[in-house]
Amino acid sequence: MTVMPTMEGGLRLEIENGFDWVMLEDISKDALGDDGQKLAERLGALMDEESDWDEVVIPELRAFFSEQLGVVTRAVTQARKEAADGPEDEAGTGTLFIAREEAESWYGALNQARLGLETRFQFGPSDEMELDGVRAFSEDKLRGFLRMRFYANLQGLLLDFAME
């Protein structure tokens, strides 16, 4: 996948193969985590049971986080559909645009996905991660780690080129 800024202040993602599509589709899956528990509920579990967190804050967070994931899911689904409708010799390739207006939603969804991966795999601080430690990961954990790094890099590009 190649990612580049657009003149309008967004990002253009050039999808080169099926693996790229899977990586983009995994954003929503990773955000929900293995147990399907959304970030709002995971955050709510950390709060004092006597607070109004469950009644007041969690519903608003749930709606906010769900909308972020919805923006990403719709964009990936639409781009993949358009790619499938394209020339047969270019199967698997496509283009996905992230407009400036969608950048914050993408950033938030990527953050949710990174938090979901951290909850699942317990990577710890990335500055403490050594190459030998990564090599010892199971195949599933290594894939999660690579997705987490991709998400972080895409967030950096969003900050640099699409967000103010």
N, C-alpha and C. Protein backbone atom coordinates (compact mmCIF):
# COMPACT_ATOMS: atom_id res chain seq x y z
N MET A 1 0.86 -1.17 0.00
CA MET A 1 0.00 0.00 0.00
C MET A 1 0.90 1.23 0.00
N THR A 2 0.50 2.17 -0.80
CA THR A 2 1.20 3.45 -0.85
C THR A 2 0.25 4.52 -0.34
N VAL A 3 0.75 5.37 0.56
CA VAL A 3 -0.06 6.44 1.12
C VAL A 3 0.61 7.76 0.77
N MET A 4 -0.20 8.70 0.25
CA MET A 4 0.36 10.00 -0.12
C MET A 4 -0.65 11.10 0.18
N PRO A 5 -0.15 12.30 0.45
CA PRO A 5 -1.07 13.42 0.70
C PRO A 5 -1.74 13.87 -0.59
N THR A 6 -2.92 14.47 -0.44
CA THR A 6 -3.62 15.05 -1.58
C THR A 6 -3.50 16.57 -1.52
N MET A 7 -3.76 17.20 -2.62
CA MET A 7 -3.71 18.66 -2.67
C MET A 7 -4.81 19.29 -1.81
N GLU A 8 -5.89 18.55 -1.57
CA GLU A 8 -7.01 19.06 -0.80
C GLU A 8 -6.80 18.92 0.71
N GLY A 9 -5.70 18.31 1.11
CA GLY A 9 -5.41 18.18 2.53
C GLY A 9 -5.83 16.86 3.13
N GLY A 10 -6.04 15.86 2.33
CA GLY A 10 -6.37 14.53 2.83
C GLY A 10 -5.26 13.55 2.49
N LEU A 11 -5.61 12.28 2.49
CA LEU A 11 -4.67 11.24 2.11
C LEU A 11 -5.27 10.37 1.02
N ARG A 12 -4.40 9.84 0.18
CA ARG A 12 -4.78 8.90 -0.87
C ARG A 12 -4.04 7.60 -0.58
N LEU A 13 -4.79 6.51 -0.44
CA LEU A 13 -4.21 5.21 -0.20
C LEU A 13 -4.35 4.38 -1.47
N GLU A 14 -3.24 3.97 -2.03
CA GLU A 14 -3.23 3.12 -3.21
C GLU A 14 -3.11 1.68 -2.73
N ILE A 15 -4.19 0.93 -2.91
CA ILE A 15 -4.25 -0.44 -2.47
C ILE A 15 -3.66 -1.30 -3.58
N GLU A 16 -2.68 -2.13 -3.23
CA GLU A 16 -1.94 -2.88 -4.24
C GLU A 16 -2.33 -4.35 -4.33
N ASN A 17 -2.98 -4.88 -3.27
CA ASN A 17 -3.33 -6.30 -3.28
C ASN A 17 -4.38 -6.59 -2.21
N GLY A 18 -4.80 -7.84 -2.17
CA GLY A 18 -5.82 -8.25 -1.21
C GLY A 18 -5.39 -8.09 0.23
N PHE A 19 -4.11 -8.26 0.50
CA PHE A 19 -3.62 -8.10 1.87
C PHE A 19 -3.85 -6.68 2.38
N ASP A 20 -3.68 -5.70 1.50
CA ASP A 20 -3.92 -4.31 1.89
C ASP A 20 -5.37 -4.10 2.30
N TRP A 21 -6.30 -4.72 1.54
CA TRP A 21 -7.72 -4.59 1.88
C TRP A 21 -7.99 -5.20 3.26
N VAL A 22 -7.40 -6.36 3.51
CA VAL A 22 -7.61 -7.03 4.80
C VAL A 22 -7.08 -6.15 5.93
N MET A 23 -5.93 -5.53 5.73
CA MET A 23 -5.35 -4.65 6.74
C MET A 23 -6.31 -3.51 7.07
N LEU A 24 -6.91 -2.92 6.05
CA LEU A 24 -7.86 -1.83 6.27
C LEU A 24 -9.15 -2.32 6.93
N GLU A 25 -9.62 -3.48 6.53
CA GLU A 25 -10.83 -4.05 7.14
C GLU A 25 -10.61 -4.44 8.59
N ASP A 26 -9.37 -4.77 8.93
CA ASP A 26 -9.06 -5.17 10.31
C ASP A 26 -9.12 -4.01 11.30
N ILE A 27 -9.15 -2.77 10.83
CA ILE A 27 -9.23 -1.63 11.75
C ILE A 27 -10.44 -1.79 12.66
N SER A 28 -11.59 -2.03 12.08
CA SER A 28 -12.82 -2.18 12.88
C SER A 28 -12.77 -3.42 13.76
N LYS A 29 -12.27 -4.52 13.22
CA LYS A 29 -12.18 -5.75 14.01
C LYS A 29 -11.25 -5.56 15.21
N ASP A 30 -10.12 -4.94 14.98
CA ASP A 30 -9.16 -4.72 16.07
C ASP A 30 -9.73 -3.76 17.12
N ALA A 31 -10.51 -2.80 16.68
CA ALA A 31 -11.10 -1.84 17.61
C ALA A 31 -12.06 -2.52 18.57
N LEU A 32 -12.76 -3.53 18.10
CA LEU A 32 -13.72 -4.24 18.95
C LEU A 32 -13.06 -5.25 19.87
N GLY A 33 -11.86 -5.70 19.52
CA GLY A 33 -11.16 -6.66 20.37
C GLY A 33 -11.68 -8.07 20.20
N ASP A 34 -10.98 -9.01 20.79
CA ASP A 34 -11.34 -10.43 20.69
C ASP A 34 -12.72 -10.73 21.24
N ASP A 35 -13.06 -10.09 22.34
CA ASP A 35 -14.32 -10.41 23.00
C ASP A 35 -15.48 -9.56 22.50
N GLY A 36 -15.25 -8.72 21.49
CA GLY A 36 -16.30 -7.87 20.95
C GLY A 36 -16.65 -6.70 21.84
N GLN A 37 -15.92 -6.54 22.93
CA GLN A 37 -16.20 -5.44 23.86
C GLN A 37 -15.62 -4.16 23.29
N LYS A 38 -16.44 -3.15 23.18
CA LYS A 38 -16.00 -1.89 22.62
C LYS A 38 -15.22 -1.08 23.64
N LEU A 39 -14.48 -0.11 23.14
CA LEU A 39 -13.64 0.72 23.98
C LEU A 39 -14.42 1.42 25.09
N ALA A 40 -15.60 1.91 24.80
CA ALA A 40 -16.39 2.62 25.82
C ALA A 40 -16.63 1.71 27.03
N GLU A 41 -16.97 0.46 26.76
CA GLU A 41 -17.22 -0.47 27.86
C GLU A 41 -15.94 -0.81 28.61
N ARG A 42 -14.83 -0.95 27.86
CA ARG A 42 -13.55 -1.24 28.52
C ARG A 42 -13.15 -0.08 29.43
N LEU A 43 -13.38 1.14 28.96
CA LEU A 43 -13.07 2.30 29.80
C LEU A 43 -14.01 2.37 31.01
N GLY A 44 -15.27 2.05 30.78
CA GLY A 44 -16.25 2.07 31.86
C GLY A 44 -15.92 1.08 32.95
N ALA A 45 -15.34 -0.05 32.58
CA ALA A 45 -14.97 -1.07 33.57
C ALA A 45 -13.89 -0.57 34.52
N LEU A 46 -13.17 0.46 34.12
CA LEU A 46 -12.09 1.00 34.96
C LEU A 46 -12.61 2.01 35.99
N MET A 47 -13.84 2.45 35.83
CA MET A 47 -14.39 3.50 36.69
C MET A 47 -15.04 2.92 37.95
N ASP A 48 -15.18 3.79 38.92
CA ASP A 48 -15.83 3.45 40.18
C ASP A 48 -17.28 3.06 39.91
N GLU A 49 -17.71 1.95 40.49
CA GLU A 49 -19.08 1.48 40.27
C GLU A 49 -20.13 2.46 40.78
N GLU A 50 -19.79 3.30 41.73
CA GLU A 50 -20.75 4.24 42.29
C GLU A 50 -20.87 5.53 41.47
N SER A 51 -20.04 5.69 40.48
CA SER A 51 -20.12 6.90 39.64
C SER A 51 -21.25 6.76 38.63
N ASP A 52 -21.57 7.86 37.98
CA ASP A 52 -22.61 7.86 36.95
C ASP A 52 -22.04 7.51 35.57
N TRP A 53 -20.86 6.98 35.54
CA TRP A 53 -20.17 6.69 34.29
C TRP A 53 -21.04 5.84 33.36
N ASP A 54 -21.61 4.75 33.90
CA ASP A 54 -22.40 3.84 33.06
C ASP A 54 -23.60 4.51 32.42
N GLU A 55 -24.27 5.39 33.17
CA GLU A 55 -25.50 5.99 32.66
C GLU A 55 -25.24 7.24 31.82
N VAL A 56 -24.19 7.97 32.12
CA VAL A 56 -23.98 9.26 31.48
C VAL A 56 -22.91 9.21 30.40
N VAL A 57 -21.74 8.74 30.73
CA VAL A 57 -20.60 8.86 29.83
C VAL A 57 -20.53 7.73 28.80
N ILE A 58 -20.73 6.50 29.22
CA ILE A 58 -20.56 5.37 28.30
C ILE A 58 -21.47 5.47 27.08
N PRO A 59 -22.76 5.81 27.22
CA PRO A 59 -23.59 5.92 26.01
C PRO A 59 -23.06 6.96 25.00
N GLU A 60 -22.57 8.08 25.51
CA GLU A 60 -22.02 9.10 24.61
C GLU A 60 -20.73 8.61 23.95
N LEU A 61 -19.85 7.98 24.74
CA LEU A 61 -18.61 7.44 24.18
C LEU A 61 -18.92 6.36 23.15
N ARG A 62 -19.86 5.49 23.47
CA ARG A 62 -20.22 4.41 22.56
C ARG A 62 -20.67 4.98 21.21
N ALA A 63 -21.51 5.99 21.23
CA ALA A 63 -21.99 6.60 19.99
C ALA A 63 -20.84 7.27 19.23
N PHE A 64 -19.99 7.99 19.95
CA PHE A 64 -18.86 8.68 19.34
C PHE A 64 -17.89 7.69 18.69
N PHE A 65 -17.51 6.65 19.43
CA PHE A 65 -16.57 5.65 18.92
C PHE A 65 -17.19 4.87 17.76
N SER A 66 -18.48 4.57 17.87
CA SER A 66 -19.17 3.83 16.82
C SER A 66 -19.21 4.64 15.53
N GLU A 67 -19.43 5.93 15.63
CA GLU A 67 -19.45 6.78 14.44
C GLU A 67 -18.07 6.82 13.78
N GLN A 68 -17.01 6.90 14.58
CA GLN A 68 -15.66 6.88 14.01
C GLN A 68 -15.43 5.60 13.22
N LEU A 69 -15.79 4.46 13.81
CA LEU A 69 -15.61 3.18 13.11
C LEU A 69 -16.50 3.10 11.88
N GLY A 70 -17.68 3.68 11.96
CA GLY A 70 -18.59 3.69 10.83
C GLY A 70 -18.01 4.43 9.63
N VAL A 71 -17.37 5.57 9.88
CA VAL A 71 -16.73 6.33 8.80
C VAL A 71 -15.69 5.47 8.10
N VAL A 72 -14.86 4.79 8.86
CA VAL A 72 -13.80 3.95 8.29
C VAL A 72 -14.40 2.76 7.56
N THR A 73 -15.33 2.08 8.17
CA THR A 73 -15.94 0.90 7.56
C THR A 73 -16.63 1.25 6.25
N ARG A 74 -17.38 2.34 6.24
CA ARG A 74 -18.06 2.75 5.00
C ARG A 74 -17.05 3.10 3.90
N ALA A 75 -15.99 3.80 4.27
CA ALA A 75 -14.99 4.20 3.27
C ALA A 75 -14.28 2.98 2.67
N VAL A 76 -13.90 2.04 3.52
CA VAL A 76 -13.20 0.84 3.04
C VAL A 76 -14.15 0.00 2.18
N THR A 77 -15.38 -0.18 2.63
CA THR A 77 -16.36 -0.97 1.88
C THR A 77 -16.62 -0.35 0.51
N GLN A 78 -16.82 0.97 0.48
CA GLN A 78 -17.09 1.65 -0.79
C GLN A 78 -15.90 1.58 -1.74
N ALA A 79 -14.70 1.80 -1.22
CA ALA A 79 -13.50 1.75 -2.06
C ALA A 79 -13.28 0.35 -2.61
N ARG A 80 -13.53 -0.66 -1.78
CA ARG A 80 -13.34 -2.04 -2.24
C ARG A 80 -14.38 -2.40 -3.30
N LYS A 81 -15.60 -1.93 -3.13
CA LYS A 81 -16.65 -2.17 -4.12
C LYS A 81 -16.28 -1.52 -5.44
N GLU A 82 -15.81 -0.28 -5.40
CA GLU A 82 -15.39 0.41 -6.62
C GLU A 82 -14.23 -0.30 -7.28
N ALA A 83 -13.31 -0.84 -6.49
CA ALA A 83 -12.18 -1.58 -7.05
C ALA A 83 -12.65 -2.86 -7.72
N ALA A 84 -13.63 -3.53 -7.11
CA ALA A 84 -14.15 -4.77 -7.69
C ALA A 84 -14.88 -4.52 -9.00
N ASP A 85 -15.46 -3.33 -9.15
CA ASP A 85 -16.17 -2.96 -10.38
C ASP A 85 -15.22 -2.51 -11.48
N GLY A 86 -13.93 -2.40 -11.16
CA GLY A 86 -12.95 -1.92 -12.13
C GLY A 86 -12.49 -3.01 -13.08
N PRO A 87 -11.49 -2.70 -13.89
CA PRO A 87 -10.96 -3.67 -14.86
C PRO A 87 -10.48 -4.96 -14.19
N GLU A 88 -10.75 -6.10 -14.82
CA GLU A 88 -10.40 -7.39 -14.24
C GLU A 88 -8.90 -7.57 -14.07
N ASP A 89 -8.10 -6.98 -14.95
CA ASP A 89 -6.64 -7.14 -14.86
C ASP A 89 -6.06 -6.36 -13.68
N GLU A 90 -6.88 -5.55 -13.04
CA GLU A 90 -6.42 -4.79 -11.88
C GLU A 90 -7.10 -5.27 -10.60
N ALA A 91 -7.57 -6.51 -10.60
CA ALA A 91 -8.27 -7.07 -9.43
C ALA A 91 -7.38 -6.99 -8.20
N GLY A 92 -7.98 -6.55 -7.11
CA GLY A 92 -7.24 -6.43 -5.86
C GLY A 92 -6.66 -5.06 -5.63
N THR A 93 -6.55 -4.27 -6.68
CA THR A 93 -6.01 -2.92 -6.53
C THR A 93 -7.15 -1.93 -6.40
N GLY A 94 -6.85 -0.78 -5.87
CA GLY A 94 -7.87 0.25 -5.74
C GLY A 94 -7.31 1.49 -5.07
N THR A 95 -8.18 2.45 -4.89
CA THR A 95 -7.79 3.72 -4.27
C THR A 95 -8.81 4.07 -3.20
N LEU A 96 -8.32 4.51 -2.07
CA LEU A 96 -9.18 4.98 -1.00
C LEU A 96 -8.72 6.37 -0.61
N PHE A 97 -9.65 7.31 -0.57
CA PHE A 97 -9.32 8.67 -0.17
C PHE A 97 -9.83 8.94 1.24
N ILE A 98 -9.00 9.59 2.03
CA ILE A 98 -9.41 10.07 3.35
C ILE A 98 -9.43 11.59 3.24
N ALA A 99 -10.64 12.15 3.22
CA ALA A 99 -10.80 13.60 3.11
C ALA A 99 -10.44 14.25 4.45
N ARG A 100 -10.06 15.50 4.37
CA ARG A 100 -9.71 16.27 5.58
C ARG A 100 -10.85 16.20 6.60
N GLU A 101 -12.09 16.24 6.13
CA GLU A 101 -13.25 16.22 7.04
C GLU A 101 -13.39 14.89 7.76
N GLU A 102 -12.80 13.83 7.22
CA GLU A 102 -12.90 12.50 7.83
C GLU A 102 -11.66 12.13 8.64
N ALA A 103 -10.65 12.98 8.61
CA ALA A 103 -9.36 12.64 9.22
C ALA A 103 -9.47 12.36 10.72
N GLU A 104 -10.24 13.17 11.44
CA GLU A 104 -10.36 12.94 12.88
C GLU A 104 -11.06 11.62 13.18
N SER A 105 -12.05 11.26 12.39
CA SER A 105 -12.72 9.97 12.58
C SER A 105 -11.76 8.82 12.31
N TRP A 106 -10.98 8.94 11.24
CA TRP A 106 -9.99 7.91 10.95
C TRP A 106 -8.96 7.82 12.08
N TYR A 107 -8.50 8.96 12.53
CA TYR A 107 -7.50 8.98 13.61
C TYR A 107 -8.07 8.27 14.85
N GLY A 108 -9.30 8.60 15.21
CA GLY A 108 -9.92 7.99 16.37
C GLY A 108 -10.13 6.49 16.20
N ALA A 109 -10.58 6.07 15.02
CA ALA A 109 -10.78 4.64 14.77
C ALA A 109 -9.46 3.88 14.83
N LEU A 110 -8.41 4.47 14.29
CA LEU A 110 -7.10 3.84 14.36
C LEU A 110 -6.62 3.75 15.80
N ASN A 111 -6.92 4.76 16.59
CA ASN A 111 -6.54 4.72 17.99
C ASN A 111 -7.31 3.61 18.72
N GLN A 112 -8.59 3.49 18.41
CA GLN A 112 -9.38 2.41 19.00
C GLN A 112 -8.78 1.05 18.64
N ALA A 113 -8.38 0.89 17.38
CA ALA A 113 -7.79 -0.37 16.93
C ALA A 113 -6.48 -0.65 17.66
N ARG A 114 -5.67 0.37 17.83
CA ARG A 114 -4.40 0.18 18.54
C ARG A 114 -4.64 -0.20 20.00
N LEU A 115 -5.62 0.44 20.62
CA LEU A 115 -5.95 0.09 22.01
C LEU A 115 -6.50 -1.33 22.10
N GLY A 116 -7.29 -1.73 21.12
CA GLY A 116 -7.80 -3.10 21.10
C GLY A 116 -6.68 -4.12 20.96
N LEU A 117 -5.72 -3.83 20.09
CA LEU A 117 -4.58 -4.73 19.92
C LEU A 117 -3.73 -4.78 21.19
N GLU A 118 -3.55 -3.64 21.83
CA GLU A 118 -2.77 -3.62 23.08
C GLU A 118 -3.47 -4.42 24.16
N THR A 119 -4.78 -4.29 24.25
CA THR A 119 -5.54 -5.06 25.23
C THR A 119 -5.40 -6.56 24.96
N ARG A 120 -5.45 -6.92 23.70
CA ARG A 120 -5.37 -8.34 23.33
C ARG A 120 -3.98 -8.93 23.54
N PHE A 121 -2.94 -8.21 23.11
CA PHE A 121 -1.60 -8.78 23.08
C PHE A 121 -0.65 -8.28 24.17
N GLN A 122 -1.00 -7.18 24.84
CA GLN A 122 -0.15 -6.65 25.91
C GLN A 122 1.29 -6.40 25.42
N PHE A 123 1.42 -5.61 24.36
CA PHE A 123 2.74 -5.32 23.80
C PHE A 123 3.60 -4.50 24.76
N GLY A 124 3.01 -3.55 25.44
CA GLY A 124 3.76 -2.65 26.31
C GLY A 124 4.29 -1.47 25.52
N PRO A 125 5.06 -0.62 26.18
CA PRO A 125 5.60 0.58 25.51
C PRO A 125 6.46 0.20 24.30
N SER A 126 6.19 0.84 23.16
CA SER A 126 6.92 0.50 21.94
C SER A 126 8.38 0.89 22.00
N ASP A 127 8.71 1.90 22.83
CA ASP A 127 10.12 2.29 22.93
C ASP A 127 10.94 1.25 23.70
N GLU A 128 10.27 0.34 24.40
CA GLU A 128 10.97 -0.72 25.11
C GLU A 128 11.03 -2.01 24.30
N MET A 129 10.37 -2.01 23.14
CA MET A 129 10.29 -3.20 22.31
C MET A 129 11.60 -3.37 21.54
N GLU A 130 12.23 -4.52 21.73
CA GLU A 130 13.47 -4.81 21.03
C GLU A 130 13.19 -5.80 19.91
N LEU A 131 14.01 -5.78 18.88
CA LEU A 131 13.82 -6.64 17.73
C LEU A 131 13.79 -8.11 18.12
N ASP A 132 14.64 -8.53 19.03
CA ASP A 132 14.64 -9.92 19.45
C ASP A 132 13.31 -10.31 20.08
N GLY A 133 12.72 -9.42 20.83
CA GLY A 133 11.43 -9.70 21.44
C GLY A 133 10.33 -9.88 20.40
N VAL A 134 10.36 -9.06 19.36
CA VAL A 134 9.37 -9.15 18.29
C VAL A 134 9.53 -10.47 17.54
N ARG A 135 10.76 -10.88 17.33
CA ARG A 135 11.00 -12.15 16.62
C ARG A 135 10.45 -13.35 17.38
N ALA A 136 10.33 -13.23 18.69
CA ALA A 136 9.83 -14.33 19.51
C ALA A 136 8.30 -14.39 19.55
N PHE A 137 7.62 -13.42 18.96
CA PHE A 137 6.16 -13.39 18.97
C PHE A 137 5.60 -14.58 18.21
N SER A 138 4.42 -15.03 18.63
CA SER A 138 3.68 -16.01 17.83
C SER A 138 3.29 -15.32 16.52
N GLU A 139 2.88 -16.11 15.55
CA GLU A 139 2.49 -15.54 14.25
C GLU A 139 1.32 -14.57 14.41
N ASP A 140 0.34 -14.93 15.23
CA ASP A 140 -0.83 -14.07 15.45
C ASP A 140 -0.43 -12.76 16.11
N LYS A 141 0.44 -12.84 17.11
CA LYS A 141 0.88 -11.63 17.81
C LYS A 141 1.73 -10.75 16.90
N LEU A 142 2.56 -11.37 16.07
CA LEU A 142 3.38 -10.60 15.13
C LEU A 142 2.50 -9.86 14.13
N ARG A 143 1.46 -10.51 13.63
CA ARG A 143 0.54 -9.84 12.72
C ARG A 143 -0.14 -8.66 13.41
N GLY A 144 -0.54 -8.87 14.66
CA GLY A 144 -1.15 -7.78 15.42
C GLY A 144 -0.18 -6.63 15.62
N PHE A 145 1.08 -6.96 15.90
CA PHE A 145 2.10 -5.94 16.09
C PHE A 145 2.31 -5.13 14.80
N LEU A 146 2.36 -5.82 13.68
CA LEU A 146 2.55 -5.14 12.39
C LEU A 146 1.36 -4.24 12.07
N ARG A 147 0.15 -4.71 12.37
CA ARG A 147 -1.03 -3.87 12.16
C ARG A 147 -0.96 -2.64 13.07
N MET A 148 -0.57 -2.85 14.32
CA MET A 148 -0.48 -1.73 15.25
C MET A 148 0.53 -0.69 14.73
N ARG A 149 1.65 -1.14 14.21
CA ARG A 149 2.65 -0.22 13.66
C ARG A 149 2.11 0.50 12.43
N PHE A 150 1.40 -0.21 11.57
CA PHE A 150 0.78 0.41 10.40
C PHE A 150 -0.21 1.48 10.84
N TYR A 151 -1.06 1.16 11.81
CA TYR A 151 -2.05 2.11 12.30
C TYR A 151 -1.36 3.36 12.85
N ALA A 152 -0.29 3.17 13.61
CA ALA A 152 0.43 4.31 14.18
C ALA A 152 1.05 5.17 13.07
N ASN A 153 1.60 4.54 12.06
CA ASN A 153 2.18 5.30 10.94
C ASN A 153 1.12 6.06 10.17
N LEU A 154 -0.04 5.43 9.96
CA LEU A 154 -1.13 6.11 9.26
C LEU A 154 -1.64 7.29 10.09
N GLN A 155 -1.69 7.13 11.42
CA GLN A 155 -2.06 8.24 12.28
C GLN A 155 -1.07 9.39 12.13
N GLY A 156 0.20 9.07 12.05
CA GLY A 156 1.22 10.11 11.87
C GLY A 156 1.02 10.88 10.57
N LEU A 157 0.70 10.17 9.51
CA LEU A 157 0.44 10.82 8.22
C LEU A 157 -0.82 11.68 8.28
N LEU A 158 -1.84 11.20 8.99
CA LEU A 158 -3.04 12.01 9.18
C LEU A 158 -2.70 13.31 9.90
N LEU A 159 -1.90 13.21 10.96
CA LEU A 159 -1.50 14.41 11.70
C LEU A 159 -0.70 15.36 10.83
N ASP A 160 0.21 14.82 10.05
CA ASP A 160 1.08 15.65 9.23
C ASP A 160 0.36 16.32 8.06
N PHE A 161 -0.61 15.63 7.43
CA PHE A 161 -1.15 16.13 6.17
C PHE A 161 -2.65 16.39 6.16
N ALA A 162 -3.41 15.86 7.11
CA ALA A 162 -4.86 15.99 7.00
C ALA A 162 -5.53 16.64 8.19
N MET A 163 -4.81 16.82 9.28
CA MET A 163 -5.42 17.38 10.48
C MET A 163 -4.71 18.68 10.85
N GLU A 164 -5.47 19.56 11.47
CA GLU A 164 -4.88 20.84 11.84
C GLU A 164 -4.38 20.83 13.26
